[in-house]
Amino acid sequence: MLTKVQKWGNSLALRIPKAFALDAQLENDSFVEITIVEGQIIITPVVSPSWRLEELLAGINKNNIHHEIDTGSAVGNEAW
């Protein structure tokens, strides 16, 4: 598909057609990685890992647990 690069502030912008965005599972504010390989611009969606609380809690052990720390007395709206 032929598209046009246009000025956006001090940078250049490229519009991604809706069909391409849907196929690549891109949404507004999605992160992408941009690289140049042999003179070609490669745009790769960044897939964020999905975390489950149970998996995160299962990774806690006596060697990596954070102990309670004293940050002083409660002040302002912290006091209840």
C-alpha atoms as a PDB file:
ATOM      1  CA  MET A   1       0.000   0.000   0.000  1.00  0.00           C
ATOM      2  CA  LEU A   2       1.282   3.435  -0.882  1.00  0.00           C
ATOM      3  CA  THR A   3       1.018   6.061   1.848  1.00  0.00           C
ATOM      4  CA  LYS A   4       2.573   9.449   2.513  1.00  0.00           C
ATOM      5  CA  VAL A   5       5.020  10.668   5.165  1.00  0.00           C
ATOM      6  CA  GLN A   6       3.988  14.055   6.541  1.00  0.00           C
ATOM      7  CA  LYS A   7       5.513  16.644   8.869  1.00  0.00           C
ATOM      8  CA  TRP A   8       4.341  16.506  12.494  1.00  0.00           C
ATOM      9  CA  GLY A   9       6.012  19.236  14.550  1.00  0.00           C
ATOM     10  CA  ASN A  10       9.768  18.778  14.086  1.00  0.00           C
ATOM     11  CA  SER A  11       9.340  15.110  13.167  1.00  0.00           C
ATOM     12  CA  LEU A  12       7.820  13.095  10.373  1.00  0.00           C
ATOM     13  CA  ALA A  13       4.710  10.955  10.810  1.00  0.00           C
ATOM     14  CA  LEU A  14       3.282   7.996   8.973  1.00  0.00           C
ATOM     15  CA  ARG A  15      -0.401   7.102   9.148  1.00  0.00           C
ATOM     16  CA  ILE A  16      -1.156   3.436   9.603  1.00  0.00           C
ATOM     17  CA  PRO A  17      -4.335   2.467   7.737  1.00  0.00           C
ATOM     18  CA  LYS A  18      -7.103   1.010   9.906  1.00  0.00           C
ATOM     19  CA  ALA A  19      -6.941  -2.410   8.237  1.00  0.00           C
ATOM     20  CA  PHE A  20      -3.203  -2.645   8.978  1.00  0.00           C
ATOM     21  CA  ALA A  21      -3.705  -1.494  12.581  1.00  0.00           C
ATOM     22  CA  LEU A  22      -6.427  -4.079  13.149  1.00  0.00           C
ATOM     23  CA  ASP A  23      -4.346  -6.849  11.617  1.00  0.00           C
ATOM     24  CA  ALA A  24      -1.321  -5.895  13.766  1.00  0.00           C
ATOM     25  CA  GLN A  25      -3.553  -5.427  16.844  1.00  0.00           C
ATOM     26  CA  LEU A  26      -2.480  -1.794  17.202  1.00  0.00           C
ATOM     27  CA  GLU A  27      -4.599   0.729  19.058  1.00  0.00           C
ATOM     28  CA  ASN A  28      -4.190   4.379  19.931  1.00  0.00           C
ATOM     29  CA  ASP A  29      -1.164   4.781  22.257  1.00  0.00           C
ATOM     30  CA  SER A  30       0.188   1.297  21.429  1.00  0.00           C
ATOM     31  CA  PHE A  31       3.959   1.012  21.682  1.00  0.00           C
ATOM     32  CA  VAL A  32       5.977  -0.045  18.658  1.00  0.00           C
ATOM     33  CA  GLU A  33       9.677  -0.621  18.076  1.00  0.00           C
ATOM     34  CA  ILE A  34      11.155   1.065  15.024  1.00  0.00           C
ATOM     35  CA  THR A  35      14.351  -0.318  13.494  1.00  0.00           C
ATOM     36  CA  ILE A  36      16.187   0.106  10.224  1.00  0.00           C
ATOM     37  CA  VAL A  37      17.370  -3.040   8.461  1.00  0.00           C
ATOM     38  CA  GLU A  38      19.281  -2.643   5.216  1.00  0.00           C
ATOM     39  CA  GLY A  39      17.721   0.767   4.610  1.00  0.00           C
ATOM     40  CA  GLN A  40      14.154  -0.382   5.313  1.00  0.00           C
ATOM     41  CA  ILE A  41      12.086   0.879   8.239  1.00  0.00           C
ATOM     42  CA  ILE A  42      10.637  -1.994  10.265  1.00  0.00           C
ATOM     43  CA  ILE A  43       7.769  -1.240  12.678  1.00  0.00           C
ATOM     44  CA  THR A  44       7.121  -4.009  15.209  1.00  0.00           C
ATOM     45  CA  PRO A  45       4.313  -3.938  17.797  1.00  0.00           C
ATOM     46  CA  VAL A  46       5.552  -4.292  21.376  1.00  0.00           C
ATOM     47  CA  VAL A  47       3.548  -6.950  23.184  1.00  0.00           C
ATOM     48  CA  SER A  48       3.318  -6.277  26.909  1.00  0.00           C
ATOM     49  CA  PRO A  49       3.397  -9.359  29.091  1.00  0.00           C
ATOM     50  CA  SER A  50       0.168 -10.098  30.895  1.00  0.00           C
ATOM     51  CA  TRP A  51       0.730 -10.600  34.598  1.00  0.00           C
ATOM     52  CA  ARG A  52      -1.508 -12.575  36.911  1.00  0.00           C
ATOM     53  CA  LEU A  53      -1.399 -11.839  40.628  1.00  0.00           C
ATOM     54  CA  GLU A  54      -1.167 -15.531  41.465  1.00  0.00           C
ATOM     55  CA  GLU A  55       1.937 -15.905  39.270  1.00  0.00           C
ATOM     56  CA  LEU A  56       3.593 -12.850  40.805  1.00  0.00           C
ATOM     57  CA  LEU A  57       2.879 -13.989  44.355  1.00  0.00           C
ATOM     58  CA  ALA A  58       4.185 -17.485  43.571  1.00  0.00           C
ATOM     59  CA  GLY A  59       7.554 -15.906  42.727  1.00  0.00           C
ATOM     60  CA  ILE A  60       8.026 -14.484  46.233  1.00  0.00           C
ATOM     61  CA  ASN A  61      10.403 -16.408  48.470  1.00  0.00           C
ATOM     62  CA  LYS A  62      12.516 -15.735  51.564  1.00  0.00           C
ATOM     63  CA  ASN A  63      15.401 -14.455  49.407  1.00  0.00           C
ATOM     64  CA  ASN A  64      13.474 -11.751  47.546  1.00  0.00           C
ATOM     65  CA  ILE A  65      10.709 -10.678  49.931  1.00  0.00           C
ATOM     66  CA  HIS A  66      10.732  -7.035  50.973  1.00  0.00           C
ATOM     67  CA  HIS A  67      10.384  -6.496  54.679  1.00  0.00           C
ATOM     68  CA  GLU A  68       8.330  -3.772  56.316  1.00  0.00           C
ATOM     69  CA  ILE A  69      10.125  -0.448  56.708  1.00  0.00           C
ATOM     70  CA  ASP A  70       9.390   2.447  59.043  1.00  0.00           C
ATOM     71  CA  THR A  71       8.698   5.667  57.158  1.00  0.00           C
ATOM     72  CA  GLY A  72       7.715   7.665  60.228  1.00  0.00           C
ATOM     73  CA  SER A  73       4.364   8.687  61.616  1.00  0.00           C
ATOM     74  CA  ALA A  74       1.295   9.202  59.452  1.00  0.00           C
ATOM     75  CA  VAL A  75       0.735  12.811  58.394  1.00  0.00           C
ATOM     76  CA  GLY A  76      -2.100  14.674  56.705  1.00  0.00           C
ATOM     77  CA  ASN A  77      -4.646  12.427  54.995  1.00  0.00           C
ATOM     78  CA  GLU A  78      -2.513   9.352  55.751  1.00  0.00           C
ATOM     79  CA  ALA A  79      -3.675   9.439  59.367  1.00  0.00           C
ATOM     80  CA  TRP A  80      -6.923   7.572  59.931  1.00  0.00           C
END
